[in-house]
Amino acid sequence: TSPGEDSDYLARAFHYLVPHRMDTAICAGQLVWVPFGSRYLQGVIVGFDHKSPVANTREIDEIVDPLPVLSPVHIKLARWISQYYLAPIHRVIQAMLPPGVTRSMEVVVRPVPDAKPTDATSNQLAILSLLRRKGPLSLRQIPRLTKLRSWRSVVNQLLKPGWATKGRQLRPPQVRTK
């Protein structure tokens, strides 16, 4: 971000550390994967600072594509639109991105194939059976396929003894051909 923008909510961007392995490969306008709280999101690099105003910055995890999705002119235009129309910069940039260029992650639960749950409850066995029948399921799919109201805590109970695992997976693109 530019000096003076830190206090302006509308122009605020989040700061991430560029790992040494990416020093020469990274540029403004690129789409990157970053940790954001407990989530894992895509972001667009809008600029570089020599020093972060934040004490603890997390690292950029991965560059999605070596080619930038936005040019320096697009970024300058996004900043102007944000200030002139009082629009948050992330919303302006999001509107500038071509459809289908961004992807999101979802949490997926997988059954452990050789796990033998000997002292599992009926609810645990029901979800484990569902996972074995249907294969890996996202946390969005499980409540649709089970009638259990406490499905989330049951899934967490399956993780502790190692009867299931949790991981991240890219969601399929939202854009489809017509």
N, C-alpha and C. Protein backbone atom coordinates (compact mmCIF):
# COMPACT_ATOMS: atom_id res chain seq x y z
N THR A 1 0.84 -1.19 0.00
CA THR A 1 0.00 0.00 0.00
C THR A 1 0.87 1.24 0.00
N SER A 2 0.32 2.34 -0.43
CA SER A 2 1.05 3.61 -0.47
C SER A 2 0.97 4.29 0.89
N PRO A 3 1.91 5.18 1.18
CA PRO A 3 1.85 5.92 2.44
C PRO A 3 0.54 6.69 2.55
N GLY A 4 -0.01 6.71 3.74
CA GLY A 4 -1.25 7.45 3.97
C GLY A 4 -2.49 6.61 3.76
N GLU A 5 -2.35 5.46 3.13
CA GLU A 5 -3.53 4.63 2.88
C GLU A 5 -3.85 3.72 4.05
N ASP A 6 -2.89 3.51 4.95
CA ASP A 6 -3.10 2.58 6.05
C ASP A 6 -4.27 2.97 6.93
N SER A 7 -4.52 4.26 7.10
CA SER A 7 -5.60 4.70 7.95
C SER A 7 -6.94 4.70 7.21
N ASP A 8 -6.91 4.60 5.90
CA ASP A 8 -8.13 4.63 5.11
C ASP A 8 -8.65 3.21 4.92
N TYR A 9 -9.78 2.90 5.53
CA TYR A 9 -10.36 1.56 5.45
C TYR A 9 -10.58 1.12 4.01
N LEU A 10 -11.02 2.03 3.17
CA LEU A 10 -11.38 1.66 1.80
C LEU A 10 -10.18 1.25 0.96
N ALA A 11 -9.02 1.73 1.30
CA ALA A 11 -7.83 1.42 0.50
C ALA A 11 -6.92 0.43 1.23
N ARG A 12 -7.37 -0.10 2.33
CA ARG A 12 -6.54 -1.00 3.13
C ARG A 12 -6.33 -2.34 2.44
N ALA A 13 -5.12 -2.80 2.45
CA ALA A 13 -4.78 -4.11 1.92
C ALA A 13 -4.11 -4.89 3.05
N PHE A 14 -4.03 -6.18 2.91
CA PHE A 14 -3.39 -7.01 3.91
C PHE A 14 -1.94 -7.23 3.52
N HIS A 15 -1.09 -7.29 4.50
CA HIS A 15 0.35 -7.44 4.27
C HIS A 15 0.78 -8.89 4.47
N TYR A 16 1.56 -9.39 3.52
CA TYR A 16 2.11 -10.73 3.59
C TYR A 16 3.60 -10.67 3.28
N LEU A 17 4.34 -11.56 3.86
CA LEU A 17 5.77 -11.65 3.64
C LEU A 17 6.03 -12.47 2.37
N VAL A 18 6.91 -11.97 1.52
CA VAL A 18 7.29 -12.70 0.31
C VAL A 18 8.44 -13.63 0.70
N PRO A 19 8.24 -14.96 0.62
CA PRO A 19 9.33 -15.87 0.97
C PRO A 19 10.49 -15.74 -0.01
N HIS A 20 11.69 -16.05 0.45
CA HIS A 20 12.89 -15.91 -0.38
C HIS A 20 12.78 -16.73 -1.67
N ARG A 21 12.14 -17.88 -1.62
CA ARG A 21 12.01 -18.72 -2.81
C ARG A 21 11.19 -18.04 -3.92
N MET A 22 10.44 -16.99 -3.56
CA MET A 22 9.59 -16.29 -4.53
C MET A 22 10.13 -14.92 -4.90
N ASP A 23 11.22 -14.50 -4.33
CA ASP A 23 11.74 -13.14 -4.52
C ASP A 23 11.77 -12.70 -5.99
N THR A 24 12.25 -13.52 -6.87
CA THR A 24 12.40 -13.12 -8.27
C THR A 24 11.17 -13.44 -9.11
N ALA A 25 10.29 -14.28 -8.60
CA ALA A 25 9.14 -14.73 -9.40
C ALA A 25 7.87 -13.94 -9.16
N ILE A 26 7.87 -13.07 -8.18
CA ILE A 26 6.62 -12.42 -7.78
C ILE A 26 6.55 -10.98 -8.29
N CYS A 27 5.34 -10.57 -8.69
CA CYS A 27 5.15 -9.19 -9.15
C CYS A 27 3.73 -8.74 -8.85
N ALA A 28 3.52 -7.44 -8.89
CA ALA A 28 2.19 -6.88 -8.65
C ALA A 28 1.22 -7.39 -9.71
N GLY A 29 0.00 -7.67 -9.28
CA GLY A 29 -1.04 -8.14 -10.19
C GLY A 29 -1.19 -9.65 -10.22
N GLN A 30 -0.27 -10.36 -9.56
CA GLN A 30 -0.35 -11.82 -9.56
C GLN A 30 -1.38 -12.32 -8.56
N LEU A 31 -1.96 -13.45 -8.87
CA LEU A 31 -2.90 -14.14 -8.00
C LEU A 31 -2.09 -15.11 -7.14
N VAL A 32 -2.31 -15.08 -5.81
CA VAL A 32 -1.54 -15.93 -4.90
C VAL A 32 -2.47 -16.60 -3.89
N TRP A 33 -1.99 -17.71 -3.31
CA TRP A 33 -2.68 -18.37 -2.20
C TRP A 33 -2.06 -17.85 -0.91
N VAL A 34 -2.91 -17.47 0.05
CA VAL A 34 -2.44 -16.97 1.34
C VAL A 34 -3.28 -17.54 2.48
N PRO A 35 -2.64 -17.75 3.65
CA PRO A 35 -3.45 -18.10 4.83
C PRO A 35 -4.15 -16.84 5.33
N PHE A 36 -5.41 -16.96 5.64
CA PHE A 36 -6.19 -15.81 6.11
C PHE A 36 -7.02 -16.28 7.30
N GLY A 37 -6.52 -16.05 8.50
CA GLY A 37 -7.17 -16.60 9.68
C GLY A 37 -7.09 -18.11 9.61
N SER A 38 -8.21 -18.78 9.75
CA SER A 38 -8.23 -20.24 9.65
C SER A 38 -8.51 -20.69 8.21
N ARG A 39 -8.73 -19.74 7.33
CA ARG A 39 -9.03 -20.08 5.93
C ARG A 39 -7.80 -19.98 5.05
N TYR A 40 -7.94 -20.43 3.83
CA TYR A 40 -6.87 -20.42 2.84
C TYR A 40 -7.49 -19.81 1.59
N LEU A 41 -7.07 -18.57 1.26
CA LEU A 41 -7.75 -17.82 0.21
C LEU A 41 -6.80 -17.37 -0.89
N GLN A 42 -7.39 -16.93 -1.99
CA GLN A 42 -6.61 -16.33 -3.05
C GLN A 42 -6.65 -14.82 -2.88
N GLY A 43 -5.55 -14.19 -3.24
CA GLY A 43 -5.47 -12.74 -3.18
C GLY A 43 -4.67 -12.23 -4.37
N VAL A 44 -4.78 -10.94 -4.62
CA VAL A 44 -4.05 -10.30 -5.72
C VAL A 44 -3.03 -9.36 -5.10
N ILE A 45 -1.80 -9.43 -5.56
CA ILE A 45 -0.76 -8.55 -5.06
C ILE A 45 -0.98 -7.17 -5.67
N VAL A 46 -1.15 -6.15 -4.81
CA VAL A 46 -1.39 -4.79 -5.30
C VAL A 46 -0.17 -3.91 -5.18
N GLY A 47 0.86 -4.38 -4.50
CA GLY A 47 2.08 -3.59 -4.36
C GLY A 47 2.98 -4.17 -3.31
N PHE A 48 4.12 -3.52 -3.13
CA PHE A 48 5.12 -4.00 -2.18
C PHE A 48 5.55 -2.86 -1.27
N ASP A 49 5.82 -3.19 -0.02
CA ASP A 49 6.36 -2.26 0.96
C ASP A 49 7.71 -2.79 1.41
N HIS A 50 8.59 -1.88 1.81
CA HIS A 50 9.88 -2.31 2.35
C HIS A 50 9.74 -2.75 3.80
N LYS A 51 8.72 -2.20 4.46
CA LYS A 51 8.49 -2.55 5.86
C LYS A 51 6.99 -2.67 6.09
N SER A 52 6.59 -3.72 6.79
CA SER A 52 5.18 -3.93 7.07
C SER A 52 4.76 -3.13 8.30
N PRO A 53 3.59 -2.51 8.27
CA PRO A 53 3.09 -1.81 9.46
C PRO A 53 2.58 -2.79 10.52
N VAL A 54 2.52 -4.07 10.16
CA VAL A 54 2.03 -5.12 11.06
C VAL A 54 3.24 -5.87 11.61
N ALA A 55 3.24 -6.15 12.92
CA ALA A 55 4.39 -6.81 13.55
C ALA A 55 4.60 -8.22 13.01
N ASN A 56 3.58 -9.03 13.02
CA ASN A 56 3.70 -10.42 12.58
C ASN A 56 2.97 -10.59 11.25
N THR A 57 3.71 -10.85 10.20
CA THR A 57 3.09 -11.10 8.90
C THR A 57 3.29 -12.55 8.53
N ARG A 58 2.29 -13.11 7.91
CA ARG A 58 2.37 -14.49 7.43
C ARG A 58 2.90 -14.47 6.01
N GLU A 59 3.44 -15.60 5.59
CA GLU A 59 4.03 -15.70 4.25
C GLU A 59 2.99 -15.99 3.19
N ILE A 60 3.24 -15.50 1.99
CA ILE A 60 2.48 -15.93 0.82
C ILE A 60 2.83 -17.40 0.62
N ASP A 61 1.84 -18.21 0.39
CA ASP A 61 2.08 -19.65 0.29
C ASP A 61 2.49 -20.09 -1.10
N GLU A 62 1.77 -19.56 -2.11
CA GLU A 62 2.01 -20.07 -3.46
C GLU A 62 1.52 -19.06 -4.49
N ILE A 63 2.22 -18.98 -5.61
CA ILE A 63 1.78 -18.16 -6.74
C ILE A 63 0.88 -19.05 -7.60
N VAL A 64 -0.33 -18.57 -7.91
CA VAL A 64 -1.28 -19.35 -8.70
C VAL A 64 -0.82 -19.46 -10.15
N ASP A 65 -0.41 -18.35 -10.72
CA ASP A 65 0.00 -18.31 -12.12
C ASP A 65 1.14 -17.29 -12.25
N PRO A 66 2.20 -17.62 -13.02
CA PRO A 66 3.29 -16.65 -13.15
C PRO A 66 2.88 -15.37 -13.87
N LEU A 67 1.83 -15.44 -14.69
CA LEU A 67 1.35 -14.24 -15.39
C LEU A 67 0.39 -13.47 -14.50
N PRO A 68 0.55 -12.15 -14.38
CA PRO A 68 -0.37 -11.35 -13.56
C PRO A 68 -1.79 -11.36 -14.14
N VAL A 69 -2.78 -11.34 -13.26
CA VAL A 69 -4.18 -11.24 -13.70
C VAL A 69 -4.59 -9.78 -13.86
N LEU A 70 -3.84 -8.87 -13.22
CA LEU A 70 -4.10 -7.44 -13.35
C LEU A 70 -2.79 -6.73 -13.68
N SER A 71 -2.85 -5.78 -14.59
CA SER A 71 -1.67 -4.99 -14.95
C SER A 71 -1.51 -3.84 -13.96
N PRO A 72 -0.36 -3.16 -13.97
CA PRO A 72 -0.19 -1.98 -13.11
C PRO A 72 -1.25 -0.91 -13.37
N VAL A 73 -1.69 -0.78 -14.60
CA VAL A 73 -2.74 0.20 -14.94
C VAL A 73 -4.06 -0.20 -14.27
N HIS A 74 -4.37 -1.51 -14.27
CA HIS A 74 -5.59 -1.98 -13.61
C HIS A 74 -5.55 -1.69 -12.11
N ILE A 75 -4.39 -1.92 -11.50
CA ILE A 75 -4.26 -1.69 -10.05
C ILE A 75 -4.42 -0.20 -9.74
N LYS A 76 -3.80 0.64 -10.56
CA LYS A 76 -3.94 2.09 -10.36
C LYS A 76 -5.41 2.51 -10.53
N LEU A 77 -6.08 1.95 -11.52
CA LEU A 77 -7.50 2.23 -11.74
C LEU A 77 -8.33 1.74 -10.55
N ALA A 78 -8.02 0.57 -10.03
CA ALA A 78 -8.75 0.03 -8.88
C ALA A 78 -8.62 0.95 -7.67
N ARG A 79 -7.42 1.47 -7.44
CA ARG A 79 -7.21 2.41 -6.32
C ARG A 79 -8.04 3.69 -6.53
N TRP A 80 -8.05 4.20 -7.75
CA TRP A 80 -8.81 5.41 -8.04
C TRP A 80 -10.31 5.16 -7.85
N ILE A 81 -10.81 4.05 -8.39
CA ILE A 81 -12.25 3.72 -8.24
C ILE A 81 -12.59 3.60 -6.76
N SER A 82 -11.72 2.94 -5.99
CA SER A 82 -11.96 2.75 -4.57
C SER A 82 -12.09 4.09 -3.84
N GLN A 83 -11.19 5.01 -4.14
CA GLN A 83 -11.23 6.32 -3.48
C GLN A 83 -12.38 7.19 -3.99
N TYR A 84 -12.58 7.23 -5.29
CA TYR A 84 -13.59 8.11 -5.87
C TYR A 84 -15.01 7.67 -5.50
N TYR A 85 -15.26 6.36 -5.59
CA TYR A 85 -16.61 5.85 -5.33
C TYR A 85 -16.78 5.31 -3.91
N LEU A 86 -15.77 5.49 -3.08
CA LEU A 86 -15.82 5.03 -1.69
C LEU A 86 -16.16 3.54 -1.61
N ALA A 87 -15.50 2.76 -2.44
CA ALA A 87 -15.71 1.31 -2.48
C ALA A 87 -14.49 0.61 -1.90
N PRO A 88 -14.69 -0.44 -1.11
CA PRO A 88 -13.53 -1.18 -0.59
C PRO A 88 -12.68 -1.72 -1.74
N ILE A 89 -11.37 -1.59 -1.63
CA ILE A 89 -10.46 -1.97 -2.70
C ILE A 89 -10.60 -3.44 -3.09
N HIS A 90 -10.85 -4.32 -2.12
CA HIS A 90 -10.97 -5.74 -2.46
C HIS A 90 -12.20 -6.01 -3.33
N ARG A 91 -13.26 -5.24 -3.13
CA ARG A 91 -14.46 -5.40 -3.96
C ARG A 91 -14.20 -4.90 -5.39
N VAL A 92 -13.46 -3.82 -5.51
CA VAL A 92 -13.14 -3.26 -6.83
C VAL A 92 -12.27 -4.25 -7.60
N ILE A 93 -11.24 -4.77 -6.93
CA ILE A 93 -10.35 -5.74 -7.60
C ILE A 93 -11.11 -7.00 -7.97
N GLN A 94 -11.98 -7.46 -7.10
CA GLN A 94 -12.78 -8.66 -7.37
C GLN A 94 -13.63 -8.46 -8.63
N ALA A 95 -14.18 -7.27 -8.80
CA ALA A 95 -15.01 -6.98 -9.97
C ALA A 95 -14.17 -6.89 -11.25
N MET A 96 -12.89 -6.60 -11.12
CA MET A 96 -12.02 -6.48 -12.29
C MET A 96 -11.49 -7.83 -12.79
N LEU A 97 -11.57 -8.84 -11.95
CA LEU A 97 -11.01 -10.13 -12.34
C LEU A 97 -11.90 -10.85 -13.35
N PRO A 98 -11.30 -11.51 -14.32
CA PRO A 98 -12.09 -12.27 -15.28
C PRO A 98 -12.84 -13.41 -14.58
N PRO A 99 -14.04 -13.74 -15.04
CA PRO A 99 -14.80 -14.84 -14.42
C PRO A 99 -14.02 -16.15 -14.49
N GLY A 100 -14.05 -16.89 -13.41
CA GLY A 100 -13.42 -18.20 -13.39
C GLY A 100 -11.94 -18.21 -13.06
N VAL A 101 -11.33 -17.04 -12.89
CA VAL A 101 -9.89 -17.00 -12.64
C VAL A 101 -9.57 -17.37 -11.19
N THR A 102 -10.46 -17.05 -10.27
CA THR A 102 -10.22 -17.37 -8.86
C THR A 102 -10.88 -18.69 -8.51
N ARG A 103 -10.29 -19.36 -7.56
CA ARG A 103 -10.82 -20.62 -7.06
C ARG A 103 -10.84 -20.54 -5.54
N SER A 104 -11.55 -21.42 -4.93
CA SER A 104 -11.56 -21.45 -3.48
C SER A 104 -11.31 -22.87 -3.00
N MET A 105 -10.91 -22.97 -1.75
CA MET A 105 -10.64 -24.26 -1.12
C MET A 105 -11.83 -24.65 -0.27
N GLU A 106 -11.99 -25.95 -0.13
CA GLU A 106 -12.98 -26.44 0.81
C GLU A 106 -12.36 -27.54 1.65
N VAL A 107 -12.88 -27.71 2.85
CA VAL A 107 -12.39 -28.75 3.75
C VAL A 107 -13.10 -30.04 3.40
N VAL A 108 -12.31 -31.10 3.23
CA VAL A 108 -12.83 -32.40 2.84
C VAL A 108 -12.49 -33.43 3.90
N VAL A 109 -13.46 -34.29 4.22
CA VAL A 109 -13.25 -35.36 5.19
C VAL A 109 -13.16 -36.68 4.43
N ARG A 110 -12.09 -37.44 4.73
CA ARG A 110 -11.87 -38.73 4.07
C ARG A 110 -11.83 -39.83 5.12
N PRO A 111 -12.44 -40.98 4.84
CA PRO A 111 -12.32 -42.10 5.79
C PRO A 111 -10.93 -42.72 5.66
N VAL A 112 -10.38 -43.21 6.75
CA VAL A 112 -9.12 -43.94 6.71
C VAL A 112 -9.49 -45.38 6.35
N PRO A 113 -8.98 -45.89 5.22
CA PRO A 113 -9.44 -47.18 4.70
C PRO A 113 -9.29 -48.36 5.65
N ASP A 114 -8.18 -48.48 6.34
CA ASP A 114 -7.97 -49.65 7.18
C ASP A 114 -8.28 -49.41 8.66
N ALA A 115 -8.99 -48.34 8.97
CA ALA A 115 -9.36 -48.05 10.37
C ALA A 115 -10.50 -48.96 10.78
N LYS A 116 -10.37 -49.52 11.99
CA LYS A 116 -11.41 -50.41 12.52
C LYS A 116 -11.95 -49.81 13.82
N PRO A 117 -13.03 -49.04 13.70
CA PRO A 117 -13.59 -48.40 14.91
C PRO A 117 -14.32 -49.42 15.79
N THR A 118 -13.69 -49.80 16.89
CA THR A 118 -14.28 -50.82 17.75
C THR A 118 -15.27 -50.25 18.75
N ASP A 119 -14.99 -49.08 19.28
CA ASP A 119 -15.87 -48.50 20.30
C ASP A 119 -16.57 -47.23 19.81
N ALA A 120 -16.93 -47.20 18.54
CA ALA A 120 -17.58 -46.01 17.96
C ALA A 120 -19.06 -45.98 18.33
N THR A 121 -19.58 -44.76 18.44
CA THR A 121 -21.02 -44.59 18.71
C THR A 121 -21.80 -44.80 17.41
N SER A 122 -23.10 -44.90 17.53
CA SER A 122 -23.94 -45.10 16.34
C SER A 122 -23.84 -43.90 15.39
N ASN A 123 -23.74 -42.68 15.94
CA ASN A 123 -23.59 -41.50 15.09
C ASN A 123 -22.25 -41.51 14.36
N GLN A 124 -21.20 -41.90 15.06
CA GLN A 124 -19.88 -41.99 14.42
C GLN A 124 -19.89 -43.04 13.32
N LEU A 125 -20.49 -44.18 13.58
CA LEU A 125 -20.57 -45.24 12.57
C LEU A 125 -21.41 -44.80 11.37
N ALA A 126 -22.46 -44.02 11.62
CA ALA A 126 -23.31 -43.54 10.52
C ALA A 126 -22.52 -42.63 9.58
N ILE A 127 -21.77 -41.69 10.12
CA ILE A 127 -20.99 -40.77 9.27
C ILE A 127 -19.83 -41.50 8.62
N LEU A 128 -19.19 -42.40 9.35
CA LEU A 128 -18.09 -43.18 8.78
C LEU A 128 -18.59 -44.05 7.63
N SER A 129 -19.75 -44.63 7.80
CA SER A 129 -20.35 -45.44 6.74
C SER A 129 -20.69 -44.58 5.53
N LEU A 130 -21.20 -43.40 5.76
CA LEU A 130 -21.50 -42.45 4.68
C LEU A 130 -20.23 -42.10 3.91
N LEU A 131 -19.14 -41.82 4.64
CA LEU A 131 -17.87 -41.48 4.00
C LEU A 131 -17.32 -42.66 3.20
N ARG A 132 -17.48 -43.85 3.71
CA ARG A 132 -16.98 -45.04 2.98
C ARG A 132 -17.83 -45.32 1.74
N ARG A 133 -19.11 -45.06 1.83
CA ARG A 133 -20.01 -45.28 0.68
C ARG A 133 -19.80 -44.24 -0.41
N LYS A 134 -19.77 -42.97 0.00
CA LYS A 134 -19.73 -41.86 -0.96
C LYS A 134 -18.32 -41.40 -1.31
N GLY A 135 -17.33 -41.77 -0.48
CA GLY A 135 -15.98 -41.28 -0.71
C GLY A 135 -15.78 -39.98 0.04
N PRO A 136 -14.68 -39.26 -0.24
CA PRO A 136 -14.43 -38.00 0.47
C PRO A 136 -15.58 -37.01 0.28
N LEU A 137 -15.98 -36.36 1.37
CA LEU A 137 -17.08 -35.39 1.33
C LEU A 137 -16.62 -34.07 1.93
N SER A 138 -17.10 -32.99 1.35
CA SER A 138 -16.77 -31.67 1.89
C SER A 138 -17.67 -31.39 3.10
N LEU A 139 -17.26 -30.43 3.90
CA LEU A 139 -18.06 -30.07 5.07
C LEU A 139 -19.40 -29.45 4.67
N ARG A 140 -19.51 -29.03 3.40
CA ARG A 140 -20.81 -28.52 2.91
C ARG A 140 -21.73 -29.67 2.54
N GLN A 141 -21.17 -30.82 2.13
CA GLN A 141 -21.99 -31.94 1.67
C GLN A 141 -22.53 -32.79 2.82
N ILE A 142 -21.76 -32.92 3.89
CA ILE A 142 -22.14 -33.82 4.98
C ILE A 142 -23.50 -33.50 5.58
N PRO A 143 -23.83 -32.23 5.92
CA PRO A 143 -25.15 -31.99 6.51
C PRO A 143 -26.30 -32.29 5.54
N ARG A 144 -26.05 -32.20 4.25
CA ARG A 144 -27.11 -32.52 3.27
C ARG A 144 -27.38 -34.01 3.19
N LEU A 145 -26.37 -34.81 3.51
CA LEU A 145 -26.49 -36.26 3.35
C LEU A 145 -26.79 -37.01 4.64
N THR A 146 -26.80 -36.30 5.76
CA THR A 146 -27.09 -36.94 7.04
C THR A 146 -28.19 -36.17 7.76
N LYS A 147 -28.90 -36.86 8.61
CA LYS A 147 -29.97 -36.21 9.38
C LYS A 147 -29.48 -35.78 10.77
N LEU A 148 -28.21 -36.03 11.05
CA LEU A 148 -27.67 -35.69 12.37
C LEU A 148 -27.53 -34.19 12.53
N ARG A 149 -28.02 -33.68 13.65
CA ARG A 149 -27.89 -32.26 13.93
C ARG A 149 -26.50 -31.93 14.44
N SER A 150 -25.86 -32.90 15.08
CA SER A 150 -24.53 -32.68 15.67
C SER A 150 -23.42 -33.26 14.77
N TRP A 151 -23.62 -33.21 13.46
CA TRP A 151 -22.69 -33.85 12.53
C TRP A 151 -21.27 -33.30 12.65
N ARG A 152 -21.13 -31.99 12.91
CA ARG A 152 -19.79 -31.38 12.98
C ARG A 152 -18.97 -31.96 14.14
N SER A 153 -19.60 -32.09 15.30
CA SER A 153 -18.86 -32.66 16.44
C SER A 153 -18.57 -34.14 16.22
N VAL A 154 -19.46 -34.85 15.54
CA VAL A 154 -19.22 -36.27 15.24
C VAL A 154 -18.04 -36.40 14.28
N VAL A 155 -17.95 -35.52 13.28
CA VAL A 155 -16.81 -35.55 12.35
C VAL A 155 -15.51 -35.32 13.13
N ASN A 156 -15.51 -34.36 14.06
CA ASN A 156 -14.32 -34.10 14.88
C ASN A 156 -13.96 -35.31 15.75
N GLN A 157 -14.99 -36.03 16.20
CA GLN A 157 -14.74 -37.25 17.00
C GLN A 157 -14.11 -38.35 16.15
N LEU A 158 -14.39 -38.37 14.86
CA LEU A 158 -13.78 -39.36 13.96
C LEU A 158 -12.31 -39.05 13.70
N LEU A 159 -11.93 -37.79 13.81
CA LEU A 159 -10.55 -37.38 13.54
C LEU A 159 -9.60 -37.78 14.66
N LYS A 160 -10.06 -37.67 15.91
CA LYS A 160 -9.18 -37.92 17.06
C LYS A 160 -8.57 -39.32 17.07
N PRO A 161 -9.37 -40.38 16.93
CA PRO A 161 -8.76 -41.73 16.94
C PRO A 161 -8.15 -42.14 15.60
N GLY A 162 -8.27 -41.26 14.59
CA GLY A 162 -7.68 -41.57 13.29
C GLY A 162 -8.57 -42.40 12.37
N TRP A 163 -9.88 -42.35 12.58
CA TRP A 163 -10.81 -43.08 11.71
C TRP A 163 -11.10 -42.31 10.42
N ALA A 164 -10.81 -41.00 10.46
CA ALA A 164 -11.00 -40.14 9.28
C ALA A 164 -9.92 -39.06 9.31
N THR A 165 -9.71 -38.42 8.17
CA THR A 165 -8.77 -37.32 8.08
C THR A 165 -9.46 -36.12 7.44
N LYS A 166 -8.92 -34.95 7.74
CA LYS A 166 -9.46 -33.72 7.17
C LYS A 166 -8.36 -33.08 6.34
N GLY A 167 -8.72 -32.56 5.17
CA GLY A 167 -7.74 -31.88 4.33
C GLY A 167 -8.41 -30.83 3.47
N ARG A 168 -7.61 -30.12 2.69
CA ARG A 168 -8.13 -29.08 1.79
C ARG A 168 -8.11 -29.58 0.36
N GLN A 169 -9.08 -29.10 -0.40
CA GLN A 169 -9.18 -29.47 -1.81
C GLN A 169 -9.75 -28.29 -2.57
N LEU A 170 -9.25 -28.08 -3.79
CA LEU A 170 -9.78 -27.00 -4.62
C LEU A 170 -11.21 -27.30 -5.01
N ARG A 171 -12.07 -26.29 -4.89
CA ARG A 171 -13.44 -26.43 -5.39
C ARG A 171 -13.41 -26.36 -6.91
N PRO A 172 -14.35 -27.04 -7.56
CA PRO A 172 -14.40 -26.92 -9.02
C PRO A 172 -14.73 -25.48 -9.43
N PRO A 173 -14.30 -25.07 -10.63
CA PRO A 173 -14.59 -23.68 -11.06
C PRO A 173 -16.08 -23.40 -11.09
N GLN A 174 -16.43 -22.14 -10.78
CA GLN A 174 -17.83 -21.72 -10.78
C GLN A 174 -18.33 -21.43 -12.18
N VAL A 175 -17.41 -21.11 -13.08
CA VAL A 175 -17.79 -20.73 -14.44
C VAL A 175 -17.88 -21.98 -15.31
N ARG A 176 -18.93 -22.06 -16.08
CA ARG A 176 -19.13 -23.19 -16.99
C ARG A 176 -19.37 -22.67 -18.40
N THR A 177 -19.09 -23.50 -19.37
CA THR A 177 -19.34 -23.09 -20.76
C THR A 177 -20.83 -23.13 -21.03
N LYS A 178 -21.26 -22.28 -21.98
CA LYS A 178 -22.68 -22.26 -22.36
C LYS A 178 -22.88 -23.05 -23.62
